[in-house]
Amino acid sequence: MTAPRPRRAEGLDLNETDDGMIVYQESTDRVHHLNPTAAVILELCDGSRTAHDIAAAVAEVFGLGSPPVTDTAGCLEHLGREGLIV
């Protein structure tokens, strides 16, 4: 279950790329490659937004007609499992 207002975990080194983002996770010494959508979602995880707020922002960034609530929730769950958000 994702936190009500997810935020990025401590100790992440974020590096934007042409096709998303590379994230180095110091605590596990792992590297993650995020696609553009996951990169935007991770950047929006600052502890001030709910999952629904993040989905609405994703819709705005990508010019979608409605917020991708289910897909955003799935991405947040995955980021949480990987320890990238808390």
PDB file of N, CA and C in Angstrom:
ATOM      1  N   MET A   1       0.837  -1.182   0.000  1.00  0.00           N
ATOM      2  CA  MET A   1       0.000   0.000   0.000  1.00  0.00           C
ATOM      3  C   MET A   1       0.879   1.243   0.000  1.00  0.00           C
ATOM      4  N   THR A   2       0.566   2.174  -0.847  1.00  0.00           N
ATOM      5  CA  THR A   2       1.324   3.413  -0.965  1.00  0.00           C
ATOM      6  C   THR A   2       0.887   4.397   0.117  1.00  0.00           C
ATOM      7  N   ALA A   3       1.831   5.200   0.590  1.00  0.00           N
ATOM      8  CA  ALA A   3       1.528   6.227   1.587  1.00  0.00           C
ATOM      9  C   ALA A   3       0.490   7.197   1.025  1.00  0.00           C
ATOM     10  N   PRO A   4      -0.317   7.824   1.917  1.00  0.00           N
ATOM     11  CA  PRO A   4      -1.334   8.765   1.442  1.00  0.00           C
ATOM     12  C   PRO A   4      -0.741   9.927   0.631  1.00  0.00           C
ATOM     13  N   ARG A   5       0.439  10.365   1.010  1.00  0.00           N
ATOM     14  CA  ARG A   5       1.144  11.434   0.298  1.00  0.00           C
ATOM     15  C   ARG A   5       2.596  10.974   0.102  1.00  0.00           C
ATOM     16  N   PRO A   6       2.809  10.177  -0.941  1.00  0.00           N
ATOM     17  CA  PRO A   6       4.149   9.585  -1.128  1.00  0.00           C
ATOM     18  C   PRO A   6       5.227  10.637  -1.354  1.00  0.00           C
ATOM     19  N   ARG A   7       6.421  10.288  -0.869  1.00  0.00           N
ATOM     20  CA  ARG A   7       7.585  11.148  -1.094  1.00  0.00           C
ATOM     21  C   ARG A   7       8.775  10.263  -1.460  1.00  0.00           C
ATOM     22  N   ARG A   8       9.723  10.876  -2.164  1.00  0.00           N
ATOM     23  CA  ARG A   8      10.919  10.138  -2.569  1.00  0.00           C
ATOM     24  C   ARG A   8      11.708   9.698  -1.339  1.00  0.00           C
ATOM     25  N   ALA A   9      12.306   8.538  -1.432  1.00  0.00           N
ATOM     26  CA  ALA A   9      13.168   8.035  -0.373  1.00  0.00           C
ATOM     27  C   ALA A   9      14.443   8.877  -0.319  1.00  0.00           C
ATOM     28  N   GLU A  10      15.086   8.866   0.815  1.00  0.00           N
ATOM     29  CA  GLU A  10      16.360   9.565   0.989  1.00  0.00           C
ATOM     30  C   GLU A  10      17.461   8.824   0.226  1.00  0.00           C
ATOM     31  N   GLY A  11      18.487   9.547  -0.158  1.00  0.00           N
ATOM     32  CA  GLY A  11      19.668   8.931  -0.752  1.00  0.00           C
ATOM     33  C   GLY A  11      19.517   8.510  -2.202  1.00  0.00           C
ATOM     34  N   LEU A  12      18.607   9.150  -2.948  1.00  0.00           N
ATOM     35  CA  LEU A  12      18.456   8.836  -4.370  1.00  0.00           C
ATOM     36  C   LEU A  12      19.214   9.867  -5.193  1.00  0.00           C
ATOM     37  N   ASP A  13      19.941   9.394  -6.175  1.00  0.00           N
ATOM     38  CA  ASP A  13      20.631  10.273  -7.130  1.00  0.00           C
ATOM     39  C   ASP A  13      19.843  10.203  -8.430  1.00  0.00           C
ATOM     40  N   LEU A  14      19.148  11.300  -8.782  1.00  0.00           N
ATOM     41  CA  LEU A  14      18.281  11.349  -9.958  1.00  0.00           C
ATOM     42  C   LEU A  14      19.005  12.005 -11.122  1.00  0.00           C
ATOM     43  N   ASN A  15      18.998  11.354 -12.270  1.00  0.00           N
ATOM     44  CA  ASN A  15      19.639  11.879 -13.468  1.00  0.00           C
ATOM     45  C   ASN A  15      18.709  11.721 -14.655  1.00  0.00           C
ATOM     46  N   GLU A  16      18.223  12.851 -15.184  1.00  0.00           N
ATOM     47  CA  GLU A  16      17.335  12.810 -16.340  1.00  0.00           C
ATOM     48  C   GLU A  16      18.089  12.354 -17.577  1.00  0.00           C
ATOM     49  N   THR A  17      17.391  11.588 -18.418  1.00  0.00           N
ATOM     50  CA  THR A  17      17.944  11.137 -19.688  1.00  0.00           C
ATOM     51  C   THR A  17      16.934  11.470 -20.782  1.00  0.00           C
ATOM     52  N   ASP A  18      17.318  11.251 -22.033  1.00  0.00           N
ATOM     53  CA  ASP A  18      16.406  11.508 -23.149  1.00  0.00           C
ATOM     54  C   ASP A  18      15.157  10.636 -23.090  1.00  0.00           C
ATOM     55  N   ASP A  19      15.284   9.457 -22.485  1.00  0.00           N
ATOM     56  CA  ASP A  19      14.153   8.527 -22.461  1.00  0.00           C
ATOM     57  C   ASP A  19      13.663   8.219 -21.046  1.00  0.00           C
ATOM     58  N   GLY A  20      13.792   9.173 -20.132  1.00  0.00           N
ATOM     59  CA  GLY A  20      13.291   8.974 -18.777  1.00  0.00           C
ATOM     60  C   GLY A  20      14.265   9.452 -17.731  1.00  0.00           C
ATOM     61  N   MET A  21      14.622   8.557 -16.827  1.00  0.00           N
ATOM     62  CA  MET A  21      15.492   8.927 -15.720  1.00  0.00           C
ATOM     63  C   MET A  21      16.265   7.708 -15.237  1.00  0.00           C
ATOM     64  N   ILE A  22      17.498   7.942 -14.849  1.00  0.00           N
ATOM     65  CA  ILE A  22      18.308   6.934 -14.188  1.00  0.00           C
ATOM     66  C   ILE A  22      18.364   7.327 -12.720  1.00  0.00           C
ATOM     67  N   VAL A  23      18.041   6.373 -11.850  1.00  0.00           N
ATOM     68  CA  VAL A  23      18.031   6.628 -10.413  1.00  0.00           C
ATOM     69  C   VAL A  23      19.015   5.668  -9.754  1.00  0.00           C
ATOM     70  N   TYR A  24      19.996   6.254  -9.055  1.00  0.00           N
ATOM     71  CA  TYR A  24      20.899   5.427  -8.257  1.00  0.00           C
ATOM     72  C   TYR A  24      20.394   5.453  -6.826  1.00  0.00           C
ATOM     73  N   GLN A  25      20.178   4.265  -6.283  1.00  0.00           N
ATOM     74  CA  GLN A  25      19.668   4.111  -4.929  1.00  0.00           C
ATOM     75  C   GLN A  25      20.828   3.687  -4.030  1.00  0.00           C
ATOM     76  N   GLU A  26      21.333   4.650  -3.284  1.00  0.00           N
ATOM     77  CA  GLU A  26      22.515   4.427  -2.458  1.00  0.00           C
ATOM     78  C   GLU A  26      22.301   3.320  -1.422  1.00  0.00           C
ATOM     79  N   SER A  27      21.137   3.277  -0.798  1.00  0.00           N
ATOM     80  CA  SER A  27      20.902   2.322   0.292  1.00  0.00           C
ATOM     81  C   SER A  27      21.002   0.867  -0.154  1.00  0.00           C
ATOM     82  N   THR A  28      20.712   0.603  -1.421  1.00  0.00           N
ATOM     83  CA  THR A  28      20.765  -0.774  -1.927  1.00  0.00           C
ATOM     84  C   THR A  28      21.832  -0.960  -3.000  1.00  0.00           C
ATOM     85  N   ASP A  29      22.513   0.135  -3.344  1.00  0.00           N
ATOM     86  CA  ASP A  29      23.526   0.125  -4.406  1.00  0.00           C
ATOM     87  C   ASP A  29      22.929  -0.401  -5.715  1.00  0.00           C
ATOM     88  N   ARG A  30      21.692   0.066  -6.015  1.00  0.00           N
ATOM     89  CA  ARG A  30      20.995  -0.351  -7.238  1.00  0.00           C
ATOM     90  C   ARG A  30      20.781   0.841  -8.155  1.00  0.00           C
ATOM     91  N   VAL A  31      20.692   0.536  -9.448  1.00  0.00           N
ATOM     92  CA  VAL A  31      20.386   1.535 -10.466  1.00  0.00           C
ATOM     93  C   VAL A  31      19.045   1.161 -11.090  1.00  0.00           C
ATOM     94  N   HIS A  32      18.163   2.157 -11.226  1.00  0.00           N
ATOM     95  CA  HIS A  32      16.840   1.956 -11.809  1.00  0.00           C
ATOM     96  C   HIS A  32      16.716   2.840 -13.042  1.00  0.00           C
ATOM     97  N   HIS A  33      16.146   2.315 -14.109  1.00  0.00           N
ATOM     98  CA  HIS A  33      15.859   3.110 -15.302  1.00  0.00           C
ATOM     99  C   HIS A  33      14.355   3.299 -15.366  1.00  0.00           C
ATOM    100  N   LEU A  34      13.907   4.559 -15.274  1.00  0.00           N
ATOM    101  CA  LEU A  34      12.480   4.861 -15.311  1.00  0.00           C
ATOM    102  C   LEU A  34      12.093   5.424 -16.670  1.00  0.00           C
ATOM    103  N   ASN A  35      10.958   4.992 -17.191  1.00  0.00           N
ATOM    104  CA  ASN A  35      10.463   5.571 -18.432  1.00  0.00           C
ATOM    105  C   ASN A  35       9.970   6.992 -18.133  1.00  0.00           C
ATOM    106  N   PRO A  36       9.640   7.777 -19.159  1.00  0.00           N
ATOM    107  CA  PRO A  36       9.252   9.176 -18.924  1.00  0.00           C
ATOM    108  C   PRO A  36       8.082   9.345 -17.958  1.00  0.00           C
ATOM    109  N   THR A  37       7.093   8.477 -18.032  1.00  0.00           N
ATOM    110  CA  THR A  37       5.942   8.606 -17.142  1.00  0.00           C
ATOM    111  C   THR A  37       6.332   8.320 -15.695  1.00  0.00           C
ATOM    112  N   ALA A  38       7.068   7.246 -15.464  1.00  0.00           N
ATOM    113  CA  ALA A  38       7.510   6.917 -14.106  1.00  0.00           C
ATOM    114  C   ALA A  38       8.422   8.003 -13.555  1.00  0.00           C
ATOM    115  N   ALA A  39       9.237   8.608 -14.420  1.00  0.00           N
ATOM    116  CA  ALA A  39      10.123   9.693 -13.984  1.00  0.00           C
ATOM    117  C   ALA A  39       9.309  10.886 -13.493  1.00  0.00           C
ATOM    118  N   VAL A  40       8.262  11.246 -14.236  1.00  0.00           N
ATOM    119  CA  VAL A  40       7.397  12.360 -13.827  1.00  0.00           C
ATOM    120  C   VAL A  40       6.722  12.022 -12.501  1.00  0.00           C
ATOM    121  N   ILE A  41       6.221  10.811 -12.381  1.00  0.00           N
ATOM    122  CA  ILE A  41       5.540  10.406 -11.150  1.00  0.00           C
ATOM    123  C   ILE A  41       6.502  10.478  -9.967  1.00  0.00           C
ATOM    124  N   LEU A  42       7.713   9.979 -10.131  1.00  0.00           N
ATOM    125  CA  LEU A  42       8.692  10.034  -9.044  1.00  0.00           C
ATOM    126  C   LEU A  42       8.989  11.482  -8.657  1.00  0.00           C
ATOM    127  N   GLU A  43       9.154  12.339  -9.642  1.00  0.00           N
ATOM    128  CA  GLU A  43       9.434  13.741  -9.344  1.00  0.00           C
ATOM    129  C   GLU A  43       8.280  14.399  -8.598  1.00  0.00           C
ATOM    130  N   LEU A  44       7.058  13.962  -8.858  1.00  0.00           N
ATOM    131  CA  LEU A  44       5.889  14.537  -8.193  1.00  0.00           C
ATOM    132  C   LEU A  44       5.715  14.029  -6.757  1.00  0.00           C
ATOM    133  N   CYS A  45       6.456  13.007  -6.390  1.00  0.00           N
ATOM    134  CA  CYS A  45       6.364  12.445  -5.037  1.00  0.00           C
ATOM    135  C   CYS A  45       7.217  13.277  -4.081  1.00  0.00           C
ATOM    136  N   ASP A  46       6.634  14.374  -3.615  1.00  0.00           N
ATOM    137  CA  ASP A  46       7.351  15.268  -2.702  1.00  0.00           C
ATOM    138  C   ASP A  46       6.693  15.341  -1.330  1.00  0.00           C
ATOM    139  N   GLY A  47       5.710  14.473  -1.099  1.00  0.00           N
ATOM    140  CA  GLY A  47       5.031  14.444   0.185  1.00  0.00           C
ATOM    141  C   GLY A  47       3.884  15.420   0.309  1.00  0.00           C
ATOM    142  N   SER A  48       3.653  16.226  -0.715  1.00  0.00           N
ATOM    143  CA  SER A  48       2.573  17.216  -0.648  1.00  0.00           C
ATOM    144  C   SER A  48       1.341  16.801  -1.446  1.00  0.00           C
ATOM    145  N   ARG A  49       1.457  15.754  -2.279  1.00  0.00           N
ATOM    146  CA  ARG A  49       0.368  15.358  -3.173  1.00  0.00           C
ATOM    147  C   ARG A  49      -0.141  13.965  -2.847  1.00  0.00           C
ATOM    148  N   THR A  50      -1.441  13.783  -3.021  1.00  0.00           N
ATOM    149  CA  THR A  50      -2.035  12.454  -2.921  1.00  0.00           C
ATOM    150  C   THR A  50      -1.820  11.735  -4.253  1.00  0.00           C
ATOM    151  N   ALA A  51      -2.140  10.447  -4.281  1.00  0.00           N
ATOM    152  CA  ALA A  51      -2.034   9.689  -5.533  1.00  0.00           C
ATOM    153  C   ALA A  51      -2.947  10.296  -6.597  1.00  0.00           C
ATOM    154  N   HIS A  52      -4.124  10.744  -6.199  1.00  0.00           N
ATOM    155  CA  HIS A  52      -5.044  11.362  -7.160  1.00  0.00           C
ATOM    156  C   HIS A  52      -4.462  12.679  -7.684  1.00  0.00           C
ATOM    157  N   ASP A  53      -3.843  13.481  -6.817  1.00  0.00           N
ATOM    158  CA  ASP A  53      -3.199  14.726  -7.253  1.00  0.00           C
ATOM    159  C   ASP A  53      -2.093  14.430  -8.264  1.00  0.00           C
ATOM    160  N   ILE A  54      -1.335  13.360  -8.005  1.00  0.00           N
ATOM    161  CA  ILE A  54      -0.237  12.991  -8.904  1.00  0.00           C
ATOM    162  C   ILE A  54      -0.808  12.561 -10.256  1.00  0.00           C
ATOM    163  N   ALA A  55      -1.887  11.783 -10.255  1.00  0.00           N
ATOM    164  CA  ALA A  55      -2.520  11.359 -11.501  1.00  0.00           C
ATOM    165  C   ALA A  55      -3.020  12.569 -12.287  1.00  0.00           C
ATOM    166  N   ALA A  56      -3.588  13.551 -11.602  1.00  0.00           N
ATOM    167  CA  ALA A  56      -4.069  14.765 -12.270  1.00  0.00           C
ATOM    168  C   ALA A  56      -2.902  15.532 -12.890  1.00  0.00           C
ATOM    169  N   ALA A  57      -1.789  15.594 -12.195  1.00  0.00           N
ATOM    170  CA  ALA A  57      -0.612  16.279 -12.724  1.00  0.00           C
ATOM    171  C   ALA A  57      -0.045  15.541 -13.932  1.00  0.00           C
ATOM    172  N   VAL A  58      -0.055  14.216 -13.892  1.00  0.00           N
ATOM    173  CA  VAL A  58       0.411  13.413 -15.029  1.00  0.00           C
ATOM    174  C   VAL A  58      -0.465  13.709 -16.246  1.00  0.00           C
ATOM    175  N   ALA A  59      -1.774  13.782 -16.043  1.00  0.00           N
ATOM    176  CA  ALA A  59      -2.693  14.093 -17.148  1.00  0.00           C
ATOM    177  C   ALA A  59      -2.351  15.448 -17.750  1.00  0.00           C
ATOM    178  N   GLU A  60      -2.036  16.412 -16.903  1.00  0.00           N
ATOM    179  CA  GLU A  60      -1.691  17.746 -17.388  1.00  0.00           C
ATOM    180  C   GLU A  60      -0.371  17.736 -18.160  1.00  0.00           C
ATOM    181  N   VAL A  61       0.641  17.067 -17.612  1.00  0.00           N
ATOM    182  CA  VAL A  61       1.963  17.015 -18.249  1.00  0.00           C
ATOM    183  C   VAL A  61       1.890  16.375 -19.631  1.00  0.00           C
ATOM    184  N   PHE A  62       1.115  15.295 -19.752  1.00  0.00           N
ATOM    185  CA  PHE A  62       1.063  14.547 -21.005  1.00  0.00           C
ATOM    186  C   PHE A  62      -0.149  14.890 -21.871  1.00  0.00           C
ATOM    187  N   GLY A  63      -0.944  15.879 -21.460  1.00  0.00           N
ATOM    188  CA  GLY A  63      -2.086  16.322 -22.255  1.00  0.00           C
ATOM    189  C   GLY A  63      -3.171  15.273 -22.397  1.00  0.00           C
ATOM    190  N   LEU A  64      -3.444  14.554 -21.320  1.00  0.00           N
ATOM    191  CA  LEU A  64      -4.456  13.504 -21.350  1.00  0.00           C
ATOM    192  C   LEU A  64      -5.828  14.083 -21.026  1.00  0.00           C
ATOM    193  N   GLY A  65      -6.869  13.443 -21.522  1.00  0.00           N
ATOM    194  CA  GLY A  65      -8.224  13.908 -21.281  1.00  0.00           C
ATOM    195  C   GLY A  65      -8.706  13.683 -19.859  1.00  0.00           C
ATOM    196  N   SER A  66      -8.179  12.662 -19.208  1.00  0.00           N
ATOM    197  CA  SER A  66      -8.558  12.382 -17.826  1.00  0.00           C
ATOM    198  C   SER A  66      -7.350  11.807 -17.088  1.00  0.00           C
ATOM    199  N   PRO A  67      -7.331  11.971 -15.778  1.00  0.00           N
ATOM    200  CA  PRO A  67      -6.195  11.464 -15.002  1.00  0.00           C
ATOM    201  C   PRO A  67      -6.091   9.943 -15.073  1.00  0.00           C
ATOM    202  N   PRO A  68      -4.892   9.416 -15.292  1.00  0.00           N
ATOM    203  CA  PRO A  68      -4.688   7.963 -15.336  1.00  0.00           C
ATOM    204  C   PRO A  68      -4.547   7.402 -13.920  1.00  0.00           C
ATOM    205  N   VAL A  69      -5.648   7.393 -13.187  1.00  0.00           N
ATOM    206  CA  VAL A  69      -5.631   7.040 -11.767  1.00  0.00           C
ATOM    207  C   VAL A  69      -5.117   5.619 -11.535  1.00  0.00           C
ATOM    208  N   THR A  70      -5.634   4.652 -12.271  1.00  0.00           N
ATOM    209  CA  THR A  70      -5.236   3.256 -12.064  1.00  0.00           C
ATOM    210  C   THR A  70      -3.769   3.037 -12.424  1.00  0.00           C
ATOM    211  N   ASP A  71      -3.339   3.579 -13.564  1.00  0.00           N
ATOM    212  CA  ASP A  71      -1.942   3.414 -13.980  1.00  0.00           C
ATOM    213  C   ASP A  71      -0.995   4.118 -13.012  1.00  0.00           C
ATOM    214  N   THR A  72      -1.382   5.286 -12.539  1.00  0.00           N
ATOM    215  CA  THR A  72      -0.551   6.018 -11.582  1.00  0.00           C
ATOM    216  C   THR A  72      -0.437   5.232 -10.279  1.00  0.00           C
ATOM    217  N   ALA A  73      -1.554   4.683  -9.810  1.00  0.00           N
ATOM    218  CA  ALA A  73      -1.524   3.880  -8.583  1.00  0.00           C
ATOM    219  C   ALA A  73      -0.603   2.675  -8.750  1.00  0.00           C
ATOM    220  N   GLY A  74      -0.655   2.035  -9.909  1.00  0.00           N
ATOM    221  CA  GLY A  74       0.220   0.897 -10.167  1.00  0.00           C
ATOM    222  C   GLY A  74       1.684   1.292 -10.158  1.00  0.00           C
ATOM    223  N   CYS A  75       1.982   2.431 -10.755  1.00  0.00           N
ATOM    224  CA  CYS A  75       3.363   2.917 -10.776  1.00  0.00           C
ATOM    225  C   CYS A  75       3.822   3.251  -9.361  1.00  0.00           C
ATOM    226  N   LEU A  76       2.975   3.905  -8.587  1.00  0.00           N
ATOM    227  CA  LEU A  76       3.316   4.233  -7.204  1.00  0.00           C
ATOM    228  C   LEU A  76       3.574   2.970  -6.385  1.00  0.00           C
ATOM    229  N   GLU A  77       2.770   1.948  -6.592  1.00  0.00           N
ATOM    230  CA  GLU A  77       2.980   0.669  -5.892  1.00  0.00           C
ATOM    231  C   GLU A  77       4.347   0.087  -6.250  1.00  0.00           C
ATOM    232  N   HIS A  78       4.683   0.127  -7.539  1.00  0.00           N
ATOM    233  CA  HIS A  78       5.969  -0.408  -7.986  1.00  0.00           C
ATOM    234  C   HIS A  78       7.128   0.403  -7.393  1.00  0.00           C
ATOM    235  N   LEU A  79       7.027   1.719  -7.449  1.00  0.00           N
ATOM    236  CA  LEU A  79       8.083   2.568  -6.882  1.00  0.00           C
ATOM    237  C   LEU A  79       8.235   2.300  -5.392  1.00  0.00           C
ATOM    238  N   GLY A  80       7.117   2.064  -4.715  1.00  0.00           N
ATOM    239  CA  GLY A  80       7.168   1.733  -3.293  1.00  0.00           C
ATOM    240  C   GLY A  80       7.847   0.402  -3.024  1.00  0.00           C
ATOM    241  N   ARG A  81       7.520  -0.608  -3.822  1.00  0.00           N
ATOM    242  CA  ARG A  81       8.149  -1.933  -3.672  1.00  0.00           C
ATOM    243  C   ARG A  81       9.655  -1.856  -3.885  1.00  0.00           C
ATOM    244  N   GLU A  82      10.071  -0.980  -4.800  1.00  0.00           N
ATOM    245  CA  GLU A  82      11.500  -0.826  -5.089  1.00  0.00           C
ATOM    246  C   GLU A  82      12.207   0.050  -4.058  1.00  0.00           C
ATOM    247  N   GLY A  83      11.445   0.658  -3.163  1.00  0.00           N
ATOM    248  CA  GLY A  83      12.041   1.494  -2.121  1.00  0.00           C
ATOM    249  C   GLY A  83      12.389   2.895  -2.579  1.00  0.00           C
ATOM    250  N   LEU A  84      11.825   3.318  -3.730  1.00  0.00           N
ATOM    251  CA  LEU A  84      12.132   4.652  -4.251  1.00  0.00           C
ATOM    252  C   LEU A  84      11.228   5.719  -3.647  1.00  0.00           C
ATOM    253  N   ILE A  85      10.060   5.313  -3.128  1.00  0.00           N
ATOM    254  CA  ILE A  85       9.185   6.236  -2.421  1.00  0.00           C
ATOM    255  C   ILE A  85       8.780   5.623  -1.092  1.00  0.00           C
ATOM    256  N   VAL A  86       8.420   6.497  -0.179  1.00  0.00           N
ATOM    257  CA  VAL A  86       7.952   6.048   1.143  1.00  0.00           C
ATOM    258  C   VAL A  86       6.650   6.731   1.463  1.00  0.00           C
TER     259      VAL A  86
END
